[in-house]
Amino acid sequence: MHLLQEWFDAIGFLIDLALRLSLFLFAVAGAVLIFGRKREMVTEISLRDLSKLWTKEGTNEIHISKLSPIWRDEKTIAEPDMKLPDLQNSRATAFVNSVLQGPFFEKAPLQKAVCGQILKLLDQEGNCPSVVNLKGDVEGSWDENTYQILARTTLLDHSLNVAEQAIKLLSDSESFHVIPDTIVAALGHDLGKLESFRGYLYSVGEHPLTAGRPLGEIEEFLKLPRKNEIERAIKLHHKRPEGLLGKTLKKADQKARQKELEETVSQFENKTGIAQNKPSLPTQQQNSDSIAMESIGSSTKDNAAAAWQAQSDIYGESGEGIKVTNASEVPKLMDISTWFNAEQFLEGLKPYINKMFGRRFMAFSMPDGYVYFQAKVLEEVARKQAERAGCMEIATMAQKDPTLQRVLFTIVHQLRRENDIIARGLIKDNYFGGYFTVTRKIGDSMKGFYTPFHAEVFGSIAEMEQNKSDILRNIQSVKPYMNDEGDGDG
C-alpha cells in the first residue's frame, strides 16, 4: 500500500512537471510570436503616423522601448534627396557649380536644396524682364528711362546678380555664416514677378509679398530654421529692412541694379559708337555709381539729370539719392529737446492718414510704401505737443512766423537723421518738404507741398489702402515736381 502511494505521487509529479514545462514553452512561443509581430508592425508604421499617436492623449498602443530598434536601424531613416536639378541656363549652372557646390553650403544642405529649386523656377520662367511696371509698385514709379534700361536685364540674371553681390558684401565683412540663408533670400526675392505666380498682390503693386507663394511650395524652404527671417527680408527689401540678412539683401539689390544700369549703358555705347560726356556725380559715387545715360538725352545737362534720376530711383529709400550740398541754404536748427518726442509725434500724425475733411484731405498713403503729409499737419501736431509740455512759445506761434519754419525743419531733420523715417530720396536734405505732382486717374493733376514718410512706421500699408475713400483711390501716382527751383521749399 505504501509503495503504491509513492508510485502515484511520482506519476503526479511528472505530470505536473510536464504541464509546467508545456505552459512555459507555450508562453515563450507566444511571447516570441507576439513581440515578433509587434516589431514587424512597428517597422511598417510611418513617423507621421507615430507622431499622431504620441500627440493623442491617453494612447499607449506603442511603448517607447519598442521603437529603439527602429531608431538604431539607419536603413529605416530615409535621407532627404538633396540632388540639385539640371539647368539649361549656362550662367545658372555655373552658379550651382561654383557656389552651391562650394564651401559656403557644405553644412547647409537644406539651403542648398532650396536654392536649387529656386534656380529651377528661374531657369524655366526667368527670361522675363526683371522689373515690373505696375501702378502702385515701387518699380512702377521709377522714371521711364530707368525702367526701360533695367528691363533689359532678365529676372534670372538679376537674381544671380543680387546673390553675387550678397556674397561679396558678407565675405567682405567676414559674415560667412549668414551666406546660405541670404542666398536663399537673394535668389527668391523677386519670384513674385514670375508670370505663373502673379495674383492679386502682384496686381496691386506688391511683388515682394507675392514671392512668398512660390517659396511656400518648396518643401525644404518650410523646414529652414530662419524661414520667417528670410520671408521678412524679402517683404521689406524695397523698404526699411531689419537685421544683417535683411539689410544685406536690400544693399545687394541696389548694387546689382547699379551694375545692370552701367552695363546696359556701356553696351549701348559700344553698339552705337556714341561716347558723349558722362554726367558728373558726387565724389563718393564716382567710382562705383558713375553711370552714363547717353540713350536718353543729347546734352550733358540732360544726361546729368537722367543720372541723378536713376540714382534716386535705385537708392531713393536709403538716402543715397538726390542731395543738395550748398551749405548756405541749410536752415538753422533749434533746440526742441524740452518738448519734442519722436514717438508721440508719429502717433499724433496717424489719425490724419487718409482722413477726409469733406472732400479735402491732409495726408494720404500710397501702395509703394509712402505716406504724404501736408505741412499744416506737422505744424498742428507740433503745436499740440509743445502745448502739452508747457512750451507756449511754440504753441502760440503765428502760422507764418519764420521761427515756425525752423521748428518744422528741425523736427524733420531729427526724424530723417536719427530715426530714418523720412523718405530722403524724395525731398532735399535742406528742406522739411517738397513739391509733388499728384496724378489722378480721373481729373487733372495737382501740385502740392508734402513731407513724405516711410509708411511702415504707421502700421500696415495694406490696411491703410483699404481705408481709403474713392477720392483718395483716384490718386494714381505721386512724383517730385522737377521744376520747383524757384518755388522755395520750406
Foldseek 3Di string as FASTA:
>chain_A
DVVVVVVVVVVVVVVVVVVVVVVVVVVVVVVCVVLVVVLVVVLPDDVVVVVVQVPDPPHDPDPPVSCVVVVVPVVSDDDDDLDADDADDPVLVVCCVDPLVDDLCPPPSLLSSLLSVLLRLCRVQQQFFLADCAFQALRVQADPLLNVLSRVDTNQRLLVQLLVQLVVVCVVVVVSNCNSLLNSLSSQLQVLPGPVQPDDCVNNHQRRLSSVVVSVVDPSLVVDPCNVLSSQLSNQLVADHDDPSSVSSNVSSLLSSQVSQQVSQVVVCVVVVDDDDFADDDPVCVPRRGHFSVVPDPDNVVRNVVSLSSQCSSCQLVLRGDEDDDPVLADDADDPVLFDDLLQLLVQLLVQEQDDDPPDGAWYDTSNFKIWGAVVSSLVSVLVRCVVSVNVVSVVDDPPPVVSQNVLLNSQLCCCPPVSFFSNSQDYNRAQWAWKWWCFQDDHIDIGITTMTGRPVNPDSVVRVVPHDPSNVRTRDIHGDPPCPPVDHD
